Protein backbone atom coordinates (compact mmCIF):
# COMPACT_ATOMS: atom_id res chain seq x y z
CA UNK A 1 8.33 10.32 29.01
CA UNK A 2 9.05 8.95 25.74
CA UNK A 3 6.16 7.87 23.30
CA UNK A 4 5.65 6.13 19.86
CA UNK A 5 3.71 7.30 16.90
CA UNK A 6 2.04 3.97 15.92
CA UNK A 7 0.69 5.92 12.72
CA UNK A 8 3.66 6.67 11.39
CA UNK A 9 4.50 4.69 8.63
CA UNK A 10 8.19 3.70 7.90
CA UNK A 11 9.48 2.09 4.67
CA UNK A 12 12.10 -0.60 5.30
CA UNK A 13 15.40 -0.13 3.87
CA UNK A 14 18.05 -2.56 4.32
CA UNK A 15 19.90 -0.99 6.95
CA UNK A 16 16.58 -1.62 9.07
CA UNK A 17 17.93 -5.35 9.46
CA UNK A 18 21.32 -4.12 10.42
CA UNK A 19 20.19 -4.08 13.79
CA UNK A 20 18.58 -7.75 14.32
CA UNK A 21 20.14 -9.81 16.62
CA UNK A 22 22.52 -12.48 15.03
CA UNK A 23 20.61 -15.34 16.01
CA UNK A 24 17.50 -13.80 13.58
CA UNK A 25 20.03 -13.12 10.92
CA UNK A 26 18.75 -15.81 8.86
CA UNK A 27 15.31 -14.09 8.77
CA UNK A 28 16.63 -11.30 7.15
CA UNK A 29 14.89 -10.23 3.84
CA UNK A 30 17.02 -10.43 0.64
CA UNK A 31 16.70 -7.17 -1.61
CA UNK A 32 16.32 -7.90 -5.21
CA UNK A 33 15.46 -5.78 -8.31
CA UNK A 34 13.57 -7.49 -11.11
CA UNK A 35 14.07 -6.25 -14.78
CA UNK A 36 11.68 -4.20 -16.75
CA UNK A 37 8.93 -7.01 -18.49
CA UNK A 38 5.72 -7.18 -19.84
CA UNK A 39 4.67 -9.12 -16.78
CA UNK A 40 5.64 -5.75 -14.71
CA UNK A 41 3.39 -5.18 -11.61
CA UNK A 42 2.35 -1.77 -10.84
CA UNK A 43 1.77 -0.02 -7.34
CA UNK A 44 0.15 3.16 -5.70
CA UNK A 45 -0.52 5.49 -8.24
CA UNK A 46 0.59 3.31 -11.34
CA UNK A 47 4.43 3.40 -10.95
CA UNK A 48 6.22 0.42 -12.08
CA UNK A 49 7.26 -2.00 -9.04
CA UNK A 50 11.00 -3.34 -9.45
CA UNK A 51 12.08 -3.53 -6.11
CA UNK A 52 11.44 -6.26 -4.12
CA UNK A 53 12.30 -8.26 -0.91
CA UNK A 54 12.53 -12.10 -0.69
CA UNK A 55 10.78 -13.49 2.47
CA UNK A 56 10.10 -16.86 2.97
CA UNK A 57 11.32 -17.63 -0.84
CA UNK A 58 8.25 -15.15 -1.89
CA UNK A 59 8.45 -11.72 -3.48
CA UNK A 60 7.31 -8.86 -1.77
CA UNK A 61 7.14 -5.47 -3.30
CA UNK A 62 9.27 -2.95 -1.91
CA UNK A 63 7.72 0.81 -1.30
CA UNK A 64 4.50 -0.60 -2.62
CA UNK A 65 2.11 2.49 -1.14
CA UNK A 66 4.76 5.11 -1.72
CA UNK A 67 3.13 7.86 -4.00
CA UNK A 68 4.45 10.83 -5.50
CA UNK A 69 3.41 13.19 -3.23
CA UNK A 70 5.35 11.89 -0.26
CA UNK A 71 8.54 12.75 2.35
CA UNK A 72 11.84 12.43 1.23
CA UNK A 73 13.49 8.93 1.33
CA UNK A 74 15.52 9.85 4.14
CA UNK A 75 12.54 10.67 6.12
CA UNK A 76 10.68 7.70 5.05
CA UNK A 77 13.34 4.96 5.68
CA UNK A 78 14.42 6.75 9.10
CA UNK A 79 17.92 7.55 8.08
CA UNK A 80 17.39 11.03 8.83
CA UNK A 81 15.81 10.78 12.07
CA UNK A 82 15.75 14.75 12.25
CA UNK A 83 14.04 15.26 9.10
CA UNK A 84 11.75 12.81 10.05
CA UNK A 85 10.75 14.33 13.33
CA UNK A 86 9.97 18.00 11.51
CA UNK A 87 7.75 16.13 8.85
CA UNK A 88 5.79 14.40 11.59
CA UNK A 89 5.66 17.89 13.15
CA UNK A 90 3.72 19.55 10.41
């Protein structure tokens, strides 16, 4: 029987939303990059945030909780499932 690990955090990528039903495509977040400025926001471990999603007309930080001691991007974003499973087995 299959199972889902509800505690395995996934960082959404643009590819995540390619699986949405066409009727919901209008709800797909829009990725944007913000130029560096004095009004920059800082995330986990103090890194500067410049990648955002536009959701319901508001900016939402992407990868806000990704630190420097983390899994590779392919594992976090589930583009390499084998790598992700190997990390979960550690």
